Protein backbone atom coordinates (compact mmCIF):
# COMPACT_ATOMS: atom_id res chain seq x y z
CA MET A 1 21.88 141.55 20.21
CA THR A 2 25.06 140.99 22.20
CA THR A 3 25.40 142.42 25.68
CA LEU A 4 28.91 143.05 26.90
CA THR A 5 29.40 142.68 30.60
CA ARG A 6 32.42 144.00 32.42
CA PRO A 7 34.43 141.76 34.71
CA PRO A 8 33.95 142.75 38.36
CA THR A 9 37.46 144.23 38.49
CA ASP A 10 36.59 146.63 35.66
CA ALA A 11 33.69 147.97 37.74
CA VAL A 12 36.05 148.54 40.66
CA PHE A 13 38.60 150.36 38.48
CA HIS A 14 35.80 152.46 36.99
CA ALA A 15 34.51 153.30 40.46
CA ILE A 16 37.86 154.40 41.87
CA ALA A 17 38.75 156.39 38.76
CA ASP A 18 36.70 159.34 40.02
CA PRO A 19 38.19 161.57 42.75
CA THR A 20 34.80 162.17 44.39
CA ARG A 21 34.21 158.44 44.72
CA ARG A 22 37.71 157.94 46.14
CA GLU A 23 36.97 160.66 48.71
CA ILE A 24 33.70 158.94 49.63
CA LEU A 25 35.64 155.73 50.23
CA THR A 26 38.07 157.66 52.42
CA LEU A 27 35.17 159.04 54.46
CA LEU A 28 33.77 155.55 54.94
CA ARG A 29 37.12 154.09 56.07
CA SER A 30 36.68 155.53 59.55
CA SER A 31 32.99 154.72 60.07
CA GLN A 32 29.65 154.15 58.46
CA ARG A 33 27.80 157.29 57.36
CA THR A 34 24.41 158.34 56.14
CA VAL A 35 23.96 159.53 52.57
CA GLY A 36 23.19 163.00 53.93
CA ASP A 37 26.38 163.05 55.97
CA ILE A 38 28.42 162.00 52.94
CA ALA A 39 26.72 164.61 50.74
CA GLY A 40 27.46 167.28 53.35
CA ASN A 41 31.18 166.85 52.69
CA PHE A 42 30.91 167.91 49.05
CA ARG A 43 29.86 170.96 47.09
CA THR A 44 27.97 168.83 44.57
CA SER A 45 24.25 168.14 44.81
CA ARG A 46 22.84 165.27 46.81
CA PRO A 47 21.51 163.60 43.62
CA ALA A 48 25.06 163.73 42.18
CA ILE A 49 26.42 162.09 45.34
CA SER A 50 23.67 159.47 45.11
CA LYS A 51 24.85 158.64 41.59
CA HIS A 52 28.42 158.25 42.88
CA LEU A 53 27.16 155.99 45.66
CA ARG A 54 25.26 153.90 43.12
CA VAL A 55 28.49 153.34 41.13
CA LEU A 56 30.33 152.37 44.32
CA ARG A 57 27.52 150.01 45.34
CA THR A 58 27.42 148.41 41.88
CA ALA A 59 31.18 147.78 42.12
CA GLY A 60 30.63 146.20 45.54
CA LEU A 61 32.73 148.84 47.31
CA ILE A 62 29.94 149.94 49.61
CA THR A 63 26.91 148.34 51.15
CA THR A 64 23.81 150.23 52.18
CA ARG A 65 20.96 149.60 54.57
CA GLN A 66 17.91 151.52 55.62
CA ALA A 67 17.62 152.85 59.17
CA GLY A 68 14.28 154.62 59.39
CA THR A 69 14.37 157.36 56.77
CA SER A 70 18.16 157.31 56.49
CA THR A 71 20.34 155.21 54.23
CA ILE A 72 23.49 154.05 55.99
CA CYS A 73 26.59 153.37 53.87
CA ASN A 74 29.43 151.05 54.87
CA LEU A 75 32.76 150.46 53.18
CA ASN A 76 33.44 147.03 51.71
CA ALA A 77 37.15 147.11 50.86
CA GLU A 78 37.26 143.49 49.69
CA PRO A 79 36.90 144.32 45.96
CA LEU A 80 40.00 146.53 46.26
CA ARG A 81 42.07 143.35 46.67
CA ALA A 82 41.77 142.86 42.90
CA VAL A 83 43.34 146.29 42.38
CA ASN A 84 46.12 145.42 44.80
CA VAL A 85 46.82 142.13 43.00
CA TRP A 86 46.94 143.92 39.65
CA LEU A 87 49.32 146.57 41.02
CA ARG A 88 51.67 143.98 42.55
CA ASP A 89 52.80 142.96 39.07
CA TYR A 90 53.85 146.53 38.43
CA GLU A 91 55.62 146.85 41.80
CA THR A 92 58.00 144.13 40.63
CA LEU A 93 58.62 146.02 37.40
CA TRP A 94 59.17 149.31 39.25
CA GLY A 95 61.53 147.69 41.74
CA GLU A 96 63.57 146.17 38.93
CA SER A 97 63.71 149.49 37.09
CA LEU A 98 64.89 151.29 40.21
CA ARG A 99 67.58 148.67 40.84
CA ASN A 100 68.77 149.07 37.25
CA LEU A 101 68.84 152.85 37.62
CA LYS A 102 70.80 152.57 40.87
CA SER A 103 73.35 150.27 39.22
CA TYR A 104 73.67 152.60 36.24
CA VAL A 105 74.23 155.65 38.47
CA GLU A 106 76.77 153.83 40.62
CA GLU A 107 78.70 152.58 37.58
CA ASN A 108 78.80 156.03 35.96
CA GLN A 109 79.87 158.14 38.88
């Protein structure tokens, strides 16, 4: 039996593909939060938020620690560097396309 494992960047892309998970990351940008505090910002159930947090933790985008009965979540933005590196290649392409469009428009006015 062959087990396919995703590269770490695939897990990050998978994690940020969901709008709820992106919103959780936005919440954590300003400060650490408890799971209950995070769940209080959404209309979905706490178990659903816990599943989202598990995906984010698996991708390395958040870290968690216990503080008494609460679980504290912290943002770890480091894995997002891989996304930024991947997007940089496309920025070059977009910039070139825009320059070509500008030249075309200027030549045909």
